[in-house]
Amino acid sequence: MTAIDSCEPQIIRALEKDGWQIVDKPFPIFADKRPVLADFSAHRSSEHGDEFIVVIEVKCFTDPRADLSEFYSAIGQYWYYKVMMTRDNVAFRLYLALPLDAYTRFQLKPSFLQTFEAAQVKLVVVDIGAEVIEQWINWQTP
């Protein structure tokens, strides 16, 4: 079983408040004949009957002194999952969920946001205290 990031329960509640249903927790992604585990997948139907499924990897970035090493790890993990999902034709969108306070810190470090954008890392920014989604970020492909 995977370790649960400390902010994962609040992120799940924020998604549920927004109409998402948690489907697979954890969500298996197969690599070299064994599963690696993203935190979960979530499903939502729109008012028009459209259905959406996303895969979410949670990173809490709880210690600002460790932001850089956690950032390196998060980017690598996201891309590993993304490559394996693409290889296996998994059509769900992959998102990295993080707390609003971490995202706010990252706005003061332009290299972090530039890297997220260049690497096309989709983000879900969550206000952990209020348990609400602040923003979904889907970078535009250059």
C-alpha atoms as a PDB file:
ATOM      1  CA  MET A   1       0.000   0.000   0.000  1.00  0.00           C
ATOM      2  CA  THR A   2       1.214   3.500  -0.760  1.00  0.00           C
ATOM      3  CA  ALA A   3       1.943   6.109   1.883  1.00  0.00           C
ATOM      4  CA  ILE A   4      -0.781   8.705   2.200  1.00  0.00           C
ATOM      5  CA  ASP A   5       0.313  12.320   1.896  1.00  0.00           C
ATOM      6  CA  SER A   6      -0.859  14.333   4.894  1.00  0.00           C
ATOM      7  CA  CYS A   7      -3.145  16.583   2.832  1.00  0.00           C
ATOM      8  CA  GLU A   8      -4.736  13.791   0.773  1.00  0.00           C
ATOM      9  CA  PRO A   9      -7.955  13.549   2.854  1.00  0.00           C
ATOM     10  CA  GLN A  10      -8.604  17.296   2.424  1.00  0.00           C
ATOM     11  CA  ILE A  11      -7.916  17.088  -1.312  1.00  0.00           C
ATOM     12  CA  ILE A  12     -10.349  14.185  -1.636  1.00  0.00           C
ATOM     13  CA  ARG A  13     -13.035  16.105   0.295  1.00  0.00           C
ATOM     14  CA  ALA A  14     -12.493  19.165  -1.928  1.00  0.00           C
ATOM     15  CA  LEU A  15     -12.971  17.030  -5.044  1.00  0.00           C
ATOM     16  CA  GLU A  16     -16.085  15.390  -3.570  1.00  0.00           C
ATOM     17  CA  LYS A  17     -17.541  18.837  -2.725  1.00  0.00           C
ATOM     18  CA  ASP A  18     -16.974  19.724  -6.392  1.00  0.00           C
ATOM     19  CA  GLY A  19     -18.971  16.695  -7.568  1.00  0.00           C
ATOM     20  CA  TRP A  20     -16.161  14.175  -8.101  1.00  0.00           C
ATOM     21  CA  GLN A  21     -16.455  10.571  -6.978  1.00  0.00           C
ATOM     22  CA  ILE A  22     -13.296   8.717  -5.967  1.00  0.00           C
ATOM     23  CA  VAL A  23     -13.120   5.522  -8.032  1.00  0.00           C
ATOM     24  CA  ASP A  24      -9.817   3.671  -7.573  1.00  0.00           C
ATOM     25  CA  LYS A  25      -7.703   4.365  -4.500  1.00  0.00           C
ATOM     26  CA  PRO A  26      -4.903   3.789  -5.294  1.00  0.00           C
ATOM     27  CA  PHE A  27      -4.962   3.840  -9.099  1.00  0.00           C
ATOM     28  CA  PRO A  28      -2.629   1.203 -10.613  1.00  0.00           C
ATOM     29  CA  ILE A  29      -0.384   2.117 -13.527  1.00  0.00           C
ATOM     30  CA  PHE A  30       1.571  -0.802 -14.930  1.00  0.00           C
ATOM     31  CA  ALA A  31       5.293  -0.479 -15.562  1.00  0.00           C
ATOM     32  CA  ASP A  32       7.626  -3.374 -16.324  1.00  0.00           C
ATOM     33  CA  LYS A  33       4.936  -5.926 -15.457  1.00  0.00           C
ATOM     34  CA  ARG A  34       4.258  -4.501 -12.016  1.00  0.00           C
ATOM     35  CA  PRO A  35       1.938  -1.792 -10.777  1.00  0.00           C
ATOM     36  CA  VAL A  36       3.059   1.604  -9.602  1.00  0.00           C
ATOM     37  CA  LEU A  37       0.344   3.402  -7.712  1.00  0.00           C
ATOM     38  CA  ALA A  38      -0.989   6.899  -8.278  1.00  0.00           C
ATOM     39  CA  ASP A  39      -2.992   8.125  -5.307  1.00  0.00           C
ATOM     40  CA  PHE A  40      -6.460   7.771  -6.867  1.00  0.00           C
ATOM     41  CA  SER A  41      -8.742   8.266  -9.839  1.00  0.00           C
ATOM     42  CA  ALA A  42     -11.930  10.301  -9.769  1.00  0.00           C
ATOM     43  CA  HIS A  43     -15.050  10.392 -11.934  1.00  0.00           C
ATOM     44  CA  ARG A  44     -17.492  13.211 -12.634  1.00  0.00           C
ATOM     45  CA  SER A  45     -20.471  13.593 -14.955  1.00  0.00           C
ATOM     46  CA  SER A  46     -21.402  17.013 -16.311  1.00  0.00           C
ATOM     47  CA  GLU A  47     -24.910  18.423 -16.547  1.00  0.00           C
ATOM     48  CA  HIS A  48     -24.786  17.628 -20.287  1.00  0.00           C
ATOM     49  CA  GLY A  49     -23.994  13.956 -19.724  1.00  0.00           C
ATOM     50  CA  ASP A  50     -20.271  14.199 -20.476  1.00  0.00           C
ATOM     51  CA  GLU A  51     -18.127  11.971 -18.282  1.00  0.00           C
ATOM     52  CA  PHE A  52     -14.661  12.809 -17.044  1.00  0.00           C
ATOM     53  CA  ILE A  53     -12.112  10.584 -15.319  1.00  0.00           C
ATOM     54  CA  VAL A  54      -8.862  11.945 -13.922  1.00  0.00           C
ATOM     55  CA  VAL A  55      -5.910  10.347 -12.174  1.00  0.00           C
ATOM     56  CA  ILE A  56      -4.560  12.343  -9.239  1.00  0.00           C
ATOM     57  CA  GLU A  57      -1.147  12.244  -7.603  1.00  0.00           C
ATOM     58  CA  VAL A  58      -1.052  14.261  -4.357  1.00  0.00           C
ATOM     59  CA  LYS A  59       1.994  16.146  -3.125  1.00  0.00           C
ATOM     60  CA  CYS A  60       1.651  18.257   0.020  1.00  0.00           C
ATOM     61  CA  PHE A  61       4.967  20.165   0.069  1.00  0.00           C
ATOM     62  CA  THR A  62       4.654  20.591   3.838  1.00  0.00           C
ATOM     63  CA  ASP A  63       8.220  21.777   4.490  1.00  0.00           C
ATOM     64  CA  PRO A  64       9.239  24.876   2.508  1.00  0.00           C
ATOM     65  CA  ARG A  65      12.908  24.005   3.152  1.00  0.00           C
ATOM     66  CA  ALA A  66      12.388  20.779   1.199  1.00  0.00           C
ATOM     67  CA  ASP A  67      10.416  22.321  -1.689  1.00  0.00           C
ATOM     68  CA  LEU A  68      13.177  21.836  -4.251  1.00  0.00           C
ATOM     69  CA  SER A  69      13.823  18.151  -3.542  1.00  0.00           C
ATOM     70  CA  GLU A  70      10.086  17.406  -3.287  1.00  0.00           C
ATOM     71  CA  PHE A  71       9.567  19.336  -6.538  1.00  0.00           C
ATOM     72  CA  TYR A  72      12.208  17.214  -8.303  1.00  0.00           C
ATOM     73  CA  SER A  73      10.543  14.064  -7.024  1.00  0.00           C
ATOM     74  CA  ALA A  74       7.038  15.217  -7.988  1.00  0.00           C
ATOM     75  CA  ILE A  75       8.066  16.124 -11.554  1.00  0.00           C
ATOM     76  CA  GLY A  76       9.831  12.789 -12.038  1.00  0.00           C
ATOM     77  CA  GLN A  77       6.963  10.776 -10.601  1.00  0.00           C
ATOM     78  CA  TYR A  78       4.382  12.684 -12.668  1.00  0.00           C
ATOM     79  CA  TRP A  79       6.321  12.091 -15.886  1.00  0.00           C
ATOM     80  CA  TYR A  80       6.929   8.424 -15.139  1.00  0.00           C
ATOM     81  CA  TYR A  81       3.178   7.944 -14.631  1.00  0.00           C
ATOM     82  CA  LYS A  82       2.394  10.023 -17.726  1.00  0.00           C
ATOM     83  CA  VAL A  83       4.749   8.001 -19.961  1.00  0.00           C
ATOM     84  CA  MET A  84       3.384   4.668 -18.698  1.00  0.00           C
ATOM     85  CA  MET A  85      -0.237   5.838 -19.138  1.00  0.00           C
ATOM     86  CA  THR A  86       0.504   7.058 -22.677  1.00  0.00           C
ATOM     87  CA  ARG A  87       2.283   3.820 -23.559  1.00  0.00           C
ATOM     88  CA  ASP A  88      -0.732   1.799 -22.383  1.00  0.00           C
ATOM     89  CA  ASN A  89      -3.270   4.122 -24.041  1.00  0.00           C
ATOM     90  CA  VAL A  90      -4.850   5.142 -20.737  1.00  0.00           C
ATOM     91  CA  ALA A  91      -6.936   8.107 -21.872  1.00  0.00           C
ATOM     92  CA  PHE A  92      -7.483   9.687 -18.445  1.00  0.00           C
ATOM     93  CA  ARG A  93      -5.863  13.017 -17.658  1.00  0.00           C
ATOM     94  CA  LEU A  94      -3.165  12.967 -15.000  1.00  0.00           C
ATOM     95  CA  TYR A  95      -3.059  15.796 -12.443  1.00  0.00           C
ATOM     96  CA  LEU A  96      -0.724  16.726  -9.639  1.00  0.00           C
ATOM     97  CA  ALA A  97      -2.768  18.006  -6.681  1.00  0.00           C
ATOM     98  CA  LEU A  98      -1.119  20.405  -4.270  1.00  0.00           C
ATOM     99  CA  PRO A  99      -2.150  22.807  -1.520  1.00  0.00           C
ATOM    100  CA  LEU A 100      -2.797  26.475  -2.244  1.00  0.00           C
ATOM    101  CA  ASP A 101      -0.076  27.555   0.198  1.00  0.00           C
ATOM    102  CA  ALA A 102       2.523  25.507  -1.712  1.00  0.00           C
ATOM    103  CA  TYR A 103       1.339  26.906  -5.044  1.00  0.00           C
ATOM    104  CA  THR A 104       1.535  30.425  -3.591  1.00  0.00           C
ATOM    105  CA  ARG A 105       5.148  29.761  -2.529  1.00  0.00           C
ATOM    106  CA  PHE A 106       5.898  28.434  -5.995  1.00  0.00           C
ATOM    107  CA  GLN A 107       4.642  31.673  -7.547  1.00  0.00           C
ATOM    108  CA  LEU A 108       7.579  33.349  -5.802  1.00  0.00           C
ATOM    109  CA  LYS A 109       9.925  30.889  -7.517  1.00  0.00           C
ATOM    110  CA  PRO A 110       9.394  31.471 -11.247  1.00  0.00           C
ATOM    111  CA  SER A 111      11.551  28.477 -12.161  1.00  0.00           C
ATOM    112  CA  PHE A 112       9.026  26.137 -10.496  1.00  0.00           C
ATOM    113  CA  LEU A 113       6.068  27.442 -12.502  1.00  0.00           C
ATOM    114  CA  GLN A 114       8.158  27.606 -15.681  1.00  0.00           C
ATOM    115  CA  THR A 115       9.087  23.950 -15.184  1.00  0.00           C
ATOM    116  CA  PHE A 116       5.476  22.904 -14.537  1.00  0.00           C
ATOM    117  CA  GLU A 117       4.459  24.696 -17.732  1.00  0.00           C
ATOM    118  CA  ALA A 118       7.339  23.399 -19.886  1.00  0.00           C
ATOM    119  CA  ALA A 119       6.727  19.848 -18.646  1.00  0.00           C
ATOM    120  CA  GLN A 120       2.962  20.273 -19.151  1.00  0.00           C
ATOM    121  CA  VAL A 121       2.246  19.118 -15.574  1.00  0.00           C
ATOM    122  CA  LYS A 122      -1.481  19.591 -15.030  1.00  0.00           C
ATOM    123  CA  LEU A 123      -2.261  20.933 -11.563  1.00  0.00           C
ATOM    124  CA  VAL A 124      -5.176  20.941  -9.136  1.00  0.00           C
ATOM    125  CA  VAL A 125      -4.674  23.650  -6.530  1.00  0.00           C
ATOM    126  CA  VAL A 126      -6.653  23.072  -3.328  1.00  0.00           C
ATOM    127  CA  ASP A 127      -7.323  25.317  -0.331  1.00  0.00           C
ATOM    128  CA  ILE A 128      -6.633  22.697   2.325  1.00  0.00           C
ATOM    129  CA  GLY A 129      -8.253  24.625   5.198  1.00  0.00           C
ATOM    130  CA  ALA A 130     -11.511  25.291   3.344  1.00  0.00           C
ATOM    131  CA  GLU A 131     -11.327  21.984   1.451  1.00  0.00           C
ATOM    132  CA  VAL A 132     -12.185  23.617  -1.874  1.00  0.00           C
ATOM    133  CA  ILE A 133     -10.594  23.512  -5.296  1.00  0.00           C
ATOM    134  CA  GLU A 134      -9.080  26.886  -6.095  1.00  0.00           C
ATOM    135  CA  GLN A 135      -7.892  26.174  -9.622  1.00  0.00           C
ATOM    136  CA  TRP A 136      -7.384  23.539 -12.301  1.00  0.00           C
ATOM    137  CA  ILE A 137      -4.328  24.388 -14.401  1.00  0.00           C
ATOM    138  CA  ASN A 138      -3.989  22.947 -17.890  1.00  0.00           C
ATOM    139  CA  TRP A 139      -0.993  24.572 -19.549  1.00  0.00           C
ATOM    140  CA  GLN A 140      -1.360  25.536 -23.182  1.00  0.00           C
ATOM    141  CA  THR A 141       0.910  23.577 -25.497  1.00  0.00           C
ATOM    142  CA  PRO A 142       3.381  25.971 -27.151  1.00  0.00           C
END
